[in-house]
Amino acid sequence: MLLQEELYSESVEIDHRVHSRIIGGRGRGVRRITEDFNVDLRFPGRDASNPNLVVITGDEDAVLDCKDHLLELEDEYVRSYSSLSGQVVIVKYSVTTCLENLNCQLTGNCPGKTLSVTSHLGQCRGFVSY
């Protein structure tokens, strides 16, 4: 255990949109990080003047390693978020909506007509639009 005067602390800017991904469900992600690096992580509160500022405290080498890890996670999460922006949100249709869309696509007869559920249900099961 490090004494108070041996603790090293560093602040790092991590995009606030990825804080919840780093923290994880029930805090599992942040617990794993703090245990793996033997550091303390402090995320900003809701009223913080800088919502991106994360403070890492511990042994200097561990803090620097943890900082690198957090920045890599941020980069990965922001990159995956950015690759999704500009795409239509994934929407799962109900069977009725799917059949209406399928009927429209197959016949061109769109207003209010549907195909029988038994004849085309297989094509609509798990139908996802991108």
N, C-alpha and C. Protein backbone atom coordinates (compact mmCIF):
# COMPACT_ATOMS: atom_id res chain seq x y z
N MET A 1 0.84 -1.18 0.00
CA MET A 1 0.00 0.00 0.00
C MET A 1 0.89 1.24 0.00
N LEU A 2 0.55 2.16 -0.86
CA LEU A 2 1.33 3.39 -0.99
C LEU A 2 0.92 4.41 0.07
N LEU A 3 1.90 5.12 0.58
CA LEU A 3 1.61 6.20 1.50
C LEU A 3 1.11 7.41 0.71
N GLN A 4 0.38 8.27 1.37
CA GLN A 4 -0.21 9.43 0.70
C GLN A 4 0.81 10.24 -0.08
N GLU A 5 2.00 10.44 0.49
CA GLU A 5 3.00 11.26 -0.20
C GLU A 5 3.64 10.54 -1.39
N GLU A 6 3.47 9.20 -1.48
CA GLU A 6 4.01 8.44 -2.59
C GLU A 6 3.02 8.34 -3.76
N LEU A 7 1.81 8.80 -3.56
CA LEU A 7 0.80 8.71 -4.60
C LEU A 7 1.07 9.72 -5.70
N TYR A 8 0.86 9.27 -6.91
CA TYR A 8 0.99 10.13 -8.08
C TYR A 8 -0.41 10.27 -8.65
N SER A 9 -0.76 11.46 -9.06
CA SER A 9 -2.08 11.71 -9.60
C SER A 9 -1.97 12.43 -10.92
N GLU A 10 -2.78 12.01 -11.86
CA GLU A 10 -2.77 12.67 -13.17
C GLU A 10 -4.19 12.76 -13.70
N SER A 11 -4.50 13.89 -14.30
CA SER A 11 -5.79 14.11 -14.93
C SER A 11 -5.67 13.85 -16.42
N VAL A 12 -6.69 13.24 -16.97
CA VAL A 12 -6.70 12.95 -18.41
C VAL A 12 -8.10 13.25 -18.94
N GLU A 13 -8.15 13.81 -20.14
CA GLU A 13 -9.43 14.11 -20.77
C GLU A 13 -9.89 12.90 -21.56
N ILE A 14 -11.01 12.33 -21.12
CA ILE A 14 -11.64 11.20 -21.79
C ILE A 14 -13.05 11.65 -22.15
N ASP A 15 -13.40 11.54 -23.42
CA ASP A 15 -14.72 11.97 -23.90
C ASP A 15 -15.81 11.44 -22.97
N HIS A 16 -16.63 12.36 -22.45
CA HIS A 16 -17.66 11.99 -21.48
C HIS A 16 -18.67 10.98 -22.02
N ARG A 17 -18.81 10.90 -23.34
CA ARG A 17 -19.76 9.95 -23.94
C ARG A 17 -19.33 8.50 -23.73
N VAL A 18 -18.05 8.27 -23.45
CA VAL A 18 -17.59 6.89 -23.27
C VAL A 18 -17.37 6.52 -21.81
N HIS A 19 -17.60 7.45 -20.90
CA HIS A 19 -17.41 7.14 -19.47
C HIS A 19 -18.24 5.94 -19.06
N SER A 20 -19.50 5.90 -19.46
CA SER A 20 -20.36 4.79 -19.04
C SER A 20 -19.87 3.46 -19.61
N ARG A 21 -19.28 3.48 -20.79
CA ARG A 21 -18.74 2.24 -21.38
C ARG A 21 -17.51 1.79 -20.60
N ILE A 22 -16.71 2.73 -20.14
CA ILE A 22 -15.53 2.39 -19.34
C ILE A 22 -15.97 1.87 -17.97
N ILE A 23 -16.92 2.54 -17.36
CA ILE A 23 -17.40 2.14 -16.03
C ILE A 23 -18.08 0.78 -16.11
N GLY A 24 -18.85 0.55 -17.14
CA GLY A 24 -19.49 -0.75 -17.34
C GLY A 24 -20.69 -0.97 -16.45
N GLY A 25 -21.39 -2.05 -16.73
CA GLY A 25 -22.57 -2.41 -15.95
C GLY A 25 -22.20 -2.72 -14.51
N ARG A 26 -22.91 -2.08 -13.61
CA ARG A 26 -22.67 -2.25 -12.16
C ARG A 26 -21.22 -1.95 -11.76
N GLY A 27 -20.54 -1.15 -12.56
CA GLY A 27 -19.17 -0.76 -12.23
C GLY A 27 -18.12 -1.82 -12.48
N ARG A 28 -18.49 -2.88 -13.18
CA ARG A 28 -17.54 -3.98 -13.40
C ARG A 28 -16.31 -3.54 -14.18
N GLY A 29 -16.52 -2.73 -15.20
CA GLY A 29 -15.40 -2.29 -16.03
C GLY A 29 -14.38 -1.47 -15.25
N VAL A 30 -14.87 -0.50 -14.50
CA VAL A 30 -13.96 0.35 -13.74
C VAL A 30 -13.29 -0.44 -12.61
N ARG A 31 -14.00 -1.39 -12.01
CA ARG A 31 -13.38 -2.23 -10.97
C ARG A 31 -12.24 -3.06 -11.56
N ARG A 32 -12.49 -3.61 -12.74
CA ARG A 32 -11.45 -4.42 -13.38
C ARG A 32 -10.22 -3.57 -13.68
N ILE A 33 -10.44 -2.36 -14.18
CA ILE A 33 -9.32 -1.47 -14.49
C ILE A 33 -8.56 -1.09 -13.22
N THR A 34 -9.29 -0.71 -12.17
CA THR A 34 -8.61 -0.30 -10.93
C THR A 34 -7.84 -1.47 -10.32
N GLU A 35 -8.37 -2.68 -10.44
CA GLU A 35 -7.66 -3.85 -9.90
C GLU A 35 -6.45 -4.21 -10.78
N ASP A 36 -6.63 -4.19 -12.10
CA ASP A 36 -5.54 -4.54 -13.01
C ASP A 36 -4.35 -3.58 -12.89
N PHE A 37 -4.65 -2.30 -12.71
CA PHE A 37 -3.58 -1.29 -12.66
C PHE A 37 -3.25 -0.83 -11.24
N ASN A 38 -4.04 -1.27 -10.27
CA ASN A 38 -3.85 -0.87 -8.88
C ASN A 38 -3.84 0.66 -8.75
N VAL A 39 -4.90 1.26 -9.28
CA VAL A 39 -5.05 2.71 -9.24
C VAL A 39 -6.46 3.05 -8.77
N ASP A 40 -6.67 4.32 -8.49
CA ASP A 40 -7.99 4.84 -8.17
C ASP A 40 -8.43 5.73 -9.32
N LEU A 41 -9.64 5.56 -9.80
CA LEU A 41 -10.17 6.40 -10.88
C LEU A 41 -11.31 7.23 -10.34
N ARG A 42 -11.32 8.50 -10.69
CA ARG A 42 -12.40 9.42 -10.30
C ARG A 42 -12.95 10.06 -11.56
N PHE A 43 -14.25 9.80 -11.80
CA PHE A 43 -14.94 10.41 -12.93
C PHE A 43 -15.66 11.66 -12.45
N PRO A 44 -15.86 12.63 -13.34
CA PRO A 44 -16.50 13.89 -12.93
C PRO A 44 -17.97 13.68 -12.58
N GLY A 45 -18.46 14.50 -11.67
CA GLY A 45 -19.88 14.48 -11.32
C GLY A 45 -20.70 15.20 -12.38
N ARG A 46 -21.99 15.15 -12.23
CA ARG A 46 -22.90 15.76 -13.21
C ARG A 46 -22.69 17.27 -13.35
N ASP A 47 -22.31 17.92 -12.27
CA ASP A 47 -22.17 19.38 -12.28
C ASP A 47 -20.73 19.84 -12.53
N ALA A 48 -19.86 18.94 -12.93
CA ALA A 48 -18.44 19.29 -13.11
C ALA A 48 -18.27 20.31 -14.23
N SER A 49 -17.33 21.21 -14.04
CA SER A 49 -17.07 22.22 -15.07
C SER A 49 -16.47 21.60 -16.32
N ASN A 50 -15.73 20.49 -16.16
CA ASN A 50 -15.19 19.76 -17.31
C ASN A 50 -15.67 18.31 -17.22
N PRO A 51 -16.70 17.95 -18.00
CA PRO A 51 -17.26 16.61 -17.91
C PRO A 51 -16.34 15.51 -18.45
N ASN A 52 -15.24 15.88 -19.09
CA ASN A 52 -14.33 14.91 -19.68
C ASN A 52 -13.15 14.54 -18.77
N LEU A 53 -12.97 15.27 -17.67
CA LEU A 53 -11.78 15.13 -16.84
C LEU A 53 -11.86 13.93 -15.90
N VAL A 54 -10.96 12.97 -16.10
CA VAL A 54 -10.86 11.78 -15.25
C VAL A 54 -9.54 11.87 -14.50
N VAL A 55 -9.57 11.59 -13.20
CA VAL A 55 -8.36 11.66 -12.38
C VAL A 55 -7.94 10.24 -12.00
N ILE A 56 -6.66 9.94 -12.27
CA ILE A 56 -6.09 8.63 -11.97
C ILE A 56 -5.05 8.83 -10.87
N THR A 57 -5.13 8.01 -9.80
CA THR A 57 -4.20 8.13 -8.68
C THR A 57 -3.63 6.76 -8.35
N GLY A 58 -2.32 6.74 -8.06
CA GLY A 58 -1.66 5.50 -7.69
C GLY A 58 -0.16 5.63 -7.89
N ASP A 59 0.52 4.52 -8.04
CA ASP A 59 1.95 4.51 -8.36
C ASP A 59 2.13 5.16 -9.73
N GLU A 60 3.18 5.94 -9.91
CA GLU A 60 3.36 6.71 -11.14
C GLU A 60 3.33 5.82 -12.39
N ASP A 61 4.05 4.72 -12.40
CA ASP A 61 4.06 3.85 -13.57
C ASP A 61 2.68 3.27 -13.84
N ALA A 62 1.98 2.88 -12.79
CA ALA A 62 0.64 2.31 -12.93
C ALA A 62 -0.33 3.36 -13.48
N VAL A 63 -0.21 4.59 -12.99
CA VAL A 63 -1.07 5.69 -13.46
C VAL A 63 -0.84 5.94 -14.95
N LEU A 64 0.42 5.98 -15.35
CA LEU A 64 0.73 6.23 -16.76
C LEU A 64 0.26 5.08 -17.65
N ASP A 65 0.41 3.85 -17.16
CA ASP A 65 -0.09 2.69 -17.92
C ASP A 65 -1.61 2.73 -18.03
N CYS A 66 -2.26 3.06 -16.93
CA CYS A 66 -3.72 3.14 -16.91
C CYS A 66 -4.20 4.26 -17.84
N LYS A 67 -3.50 5.38 -17.82
CA LYS A 67 -3.85 6.50 -18.70
C LYS A 67 -3.80 6.04 -20.16
N ASP A 68 -2.73 5.35 -20.54
CA ASP A 68 -2.61 4.84 -21.91
C ASP A 68 -3.77 3.90 -22.24
N HIS A 69 -4.10 3.05 -21.30
CA HIS A 69 -5.20 2.10 -21.50
C HIS A 69 -6.53 2.82 -21.70
N LEU A 70 -6.81 3.82 -20.86
CA LEU A 70 -8.05 4.58 -20.97
C LEU A 70 -8.13 5.32 -22.30
N LEU A 71 -7.01 5.89 -22.74
CA LEU A 71 -7.00 6.60 -24.02
C LEU A 71 -7.23 5.63 -25.19
N GLU A 72 -6.70 4.42 -25.07
CA GLU A 72 -6.95 3.40 -26.10
C GLU A 72 -8.42 3.00 -26.12
N LEU A 73 -9.01 2.82 -24.93
CA LEU A 73 -10.44 2.50 -24.85
C LEU A 73 -11.28 3.62 -25.45
N GLU A 74 -10.92 4.85 -25.10
CA GLU A 74 -11.66 6.00 -25.64
C GLU A 74 -11.59 6.00 -27.16
N ASP A 75 -10.39 5.80 -27.70
CA ASP A 75 -10.21 5.80 -29.14
C ASP A 75 -11.06 4.70 -29.79
N GLU A 76 -11.04 3.53 -29.19
CA GLU A 76 -11.82 2.40 -29.71
C GLU A 76 -13.32 2.70 -29.68
N TYR A 77 -13.82 3.21 -28.56
CA TYR A 77 -15.24 3.50 -28.42
C TYR A 77 -15.66 4.64 -29.35
N VAL A 78 -14.87 5.70 -29.41
CA VAL A 78 -15.22 6.83 -30.27
C VAL A 78 -15.19 6.40 -31.74
N ARG A 79 -14.21 5.57 -32.09
CA ARG A 79 -14.13 5.08 -33.48
C ARG A 79 -15.37 4.24 -33.81
N SER A 80 -15.78 3.37 -32.90
CA SER A 80 -16.96 2.54 -33.17
C SER A 80 -18.21 3.40 -33.20
N TYR A 81 -18.29 4.43 -32.37
CA TYR A 81 -19.43 5.35 -32.37
C TYR A 81 -19.45 6.14 -33.67
N SER A 82 -18.29 6.61 -34.11
CA SER A 82 -18.20 7.41 -35.33
C SER A 82 -18.56 6.58 -36.56
N SER A 83 -18.21 5.31 -36.56
CA SER A 83 -18.52 4.48 -37.72
C SER A 83 -20.01 4.25 -37.85
N LEU A 84 -20.76 4.39 -36.74
CA LEU A 84 -22.21 4.21 -36.79
C LEU A 84 -22.93 5.49 -37.17
N SER A 85 -22.34 6.64 -36.88
CA SER A 85 -23.03 7.88 -37.21
C SER A 85 -23.12 8.01 -38.72
N GLY A 86 -24.22 8.51 -39.18
CA GLY A 86 -24.43 8.61 -40.62
C GLY A 86 -25.19 7.41 -41.16
N GLN A 87 -25.31 6.34 -40.36
CA GLN A 87 -26.11 5.21 -40.78
C GLN A 87 -27.47 5.31 -40.12
N VAL A 88 -28.43 4.69 -40.74
CA VAL A 88 -29.77 4.67 -40.18
C VAL A 88 -29.76 3.76 -38.96
N VAL A 89 -30.49 4.13 -37.95
CA VAL A 89 -30.57 3.33 -36.74
C VAL A 89 -31.23 1.99 -37.08
N ILE A 90 -30.72 0.92 -36.50
CA ILE A 90 -31.28 -0.41 -36.73
C ILE A 90 -32.68 -0.47 -36.13
N VAL A 91 -33.62 -0.92 -36.93
CA VAL A 91 -35.00 -1.01 -36.49
C VAL A 91 -35.50 -2.42 -36.73
N LYS A 92 -36.03 -3.06 -35.72
CA LYS A 92 -36.65 -4.37 -35.89
C LYS A 92 -38.14 -4.13 -36.09
N TYR A 93 -38.65 -4.65 -37.16
CA TYR A 93 -40.05 -4.46 -37.48
C TYR A 93 -40.90 -5.56 -36.86
N SER A 94 -42.15 -5.24 -36.61
CA SER A 94 -43.11 -6.26 -36.22
C SER A 94 -43.42 -7.10 -37.45
N VAL A 95 -43.97 -8.29 -37.25
CA VAL A 95 -44.29 -9.16 -38.37
C VAL A 95 -45.25 -8.46 -39.32
N THR A 96 -46.25 -7.76 -38.78
CA THR A 96 -47.22 -7.07 -39.63
C THR A 96 -46.54 -6.03 -40.50
N THR A 97 -45.69 -5.21 -39.90
CA THR A 97 -44.99 -4.19 -40.67
C THR A 97 -44.08 -4.83 -41.70
N CYS A 98 -43.41 -5.90 -41.30
CA CYS A 98 -42.53 -6.60 -42.22
C CYS A 98 -43.31 -7.13 -43.40
N LEU A 99 -44.45 -7.75 -43.14
CA LEU A 99 -45.26 -8.30 -44.22
C LEU A 99 -45.78 -7.20 -45.14
N GLU A 100 -46.15 -6.07 -44.57
CA GLU A 100 -46.59 -4.95 -45.40
C GLU A 100 -45.45 -4.48 -46.29
N ASN A 101 -44.25 -4.36 -45.72
CA ASN A 101 -43.10 -3.94 -46.51
C ASN A 101 -42.74 -4.98 -47.57
N LEU A 102 -42.81 -6.25 -47.20
CA LEU A 102 -42.49 -7.32 -48.12
C LEU A 102 -43.48 -7.35 -49.28
N ASN A 103 -44.76 -7.20 -48.96
CA ASN A 103 -45.80 -7.16 -49.98
C ASN A 103 -45.56 -5.98 -50.93
N CYS A 104 -45.24 -4.86 -50.37
CA CYS A 104 -44.98 -3.66 -51.16
C CYS A 104 -43.79 -3.91 -52.09
N GLN A 105 -42.73 -4.52 -51.56
CA GLN A 105 -41.53 -4.79 -52.37
C GLN A 105 -41.81 -5.80 -53.47
N LEU A 106 -42.60 -6.85 -53.18
CA LEU A 106 -42.84 -7.92 -54.14
C LEU A 106 -43.86 -7.54 -55.21
N THR A 107 -44.88 -6.81 -54.83
CA THR A 107 -45.98 -6.56 -55.75
C THR A 107 -46.11 -5.11 -56.18
N GLY A 108 -45.52 -4.22 -55.43
CA GLY A 108 -45.70 -2.79 -55.72
C GLY A 108 -47.05 -2.28 -55.26
N ASN A 109 -47.84 -3.16 -54.63
CA ASN A 109 -49.16 -2.78 -54.16
C ASN A 109 -49.07 -2.49 -52.66
N CYS A 110 -48.76 -1.27 -52.31
CA CYS A 110 -48.42 -0.93 -50.92
C CYS A 110 -49.59 -0.52 -50.03
N PRO A 111 -50.59 0.19 -50.50
CA PRO A 111 -51.55 0.75 -49.54
C PRO A 111 -52.44 -0.29 -48.86
N GLY A 112 -52.11 -0.64 -47.62
CA GLY A 112 -52.96 -1.42 -46.76
C GLY A 112 -53.11 -2.90 -47.05
N LYS A 113 -52.41 -3.46 -48.00
CA LYS A 113 -52.54 -4.88 -48.30
C LYS A 113 -51.36 -5.64 -47.71
N THR A 114 -51.61 -6.83 -47.17
CA THR A 114 -50.54 -7.64 -46.60
C THR A 114 -50.56 -9.03 -47.18
N LEU A 115 -49.46 -9.71 -47.11
CA LEU A 115 -49.37 -11.10 -47.54
C LEU A 115 -49.81 -11.99 -46.41
N SER A 116 -50.14 -13.22 -46.71
CA SER A 116 -50.52 -14.13 -45.64
C SER A 116 -49.32 -14.42 -44.75
N VAL A 117 -49.55 -14.50 -43.48
CA VAL A 117 -48.48 -14.73 -42.51
C VAL A 117 -47.79 -16.06 -42.79
N THR A 118 -48.55 -17.09 -43.15
CA THR A 118 -47.96 -18.41 -43.34
C THR A 118 -47.08 -18.48 -44.57
N SER A 119 -47.39 -17.74 -45.62
CA SER A 119 -46.63 -17.87 -46.85
C SER A 119 -45.28 -17.17 -46.81
N HIS A 120 -45.14 -16.11 -46.03
CA HIS A 120 -43.89 -15.34 -46.07
C HIS A 120 -43.30 -15.05 -44.70
N LEU A 121 -43.76 -15.76 -43.68
CA LEU A 121 -43.25 -15.50 -42.34
C LEU A 121 -41.76 -15.79 -42.24
N GLY A 122 -41.28 -16.81 -42.92
CA GLY A 122 -39.86 -17.15 -42.88
C GLY A 122 -38.99 -16.01 -43.35
N GLN A 123 -39.46 -15.25 -44.33
CA GLN A 123 -38.68 -14.12 -44.84
C GLN A 123 -38.68 -12.96 -43.85
N CYS A 124 -39.67 -12.91 -42.99
CA CYS A 124 -39.78 -11.79 -42.05
C CYS A 124 -39.19 -12.09 -40.68
N ARG A 125 -38.93 -13.34 -40.37
CA ARG A 125 -38.40 -13.68 -39.06
C ARG A 125 -37.04 -13.00 -38.87
N GLY A 126 -36.92 -12.22 -37.82
CA GLY A 126 -35.66 -11.52 -37.54
C GLY A 126 -35.33 -10.44 -38.54
N PHE A 127 -36.34 -9.96 -39.26
CA PHE A 127 -36.13 -8.92 -40.28
C PHE A 127 -35.55 -7.67 -39.64
N VAL A 128 -34.43 -7.21 -40.15
CA VAL A 128 -33.76 -6.03 -39.61
C VAL A 128 -33.44 -5.11 -40.77
N SER A 129 -33.69 -3.84 -40.59
CA SER A 129 -33.40 -2.86 -41.61
C SER A 129 -32.22 -2.01 -41.18
N TYR A 130 -31.27 -1.76 -42.06
CA TYR A 130 -30.12 -0.92 -41.76
C TYR A 130 -30.24 0.39 -42.48
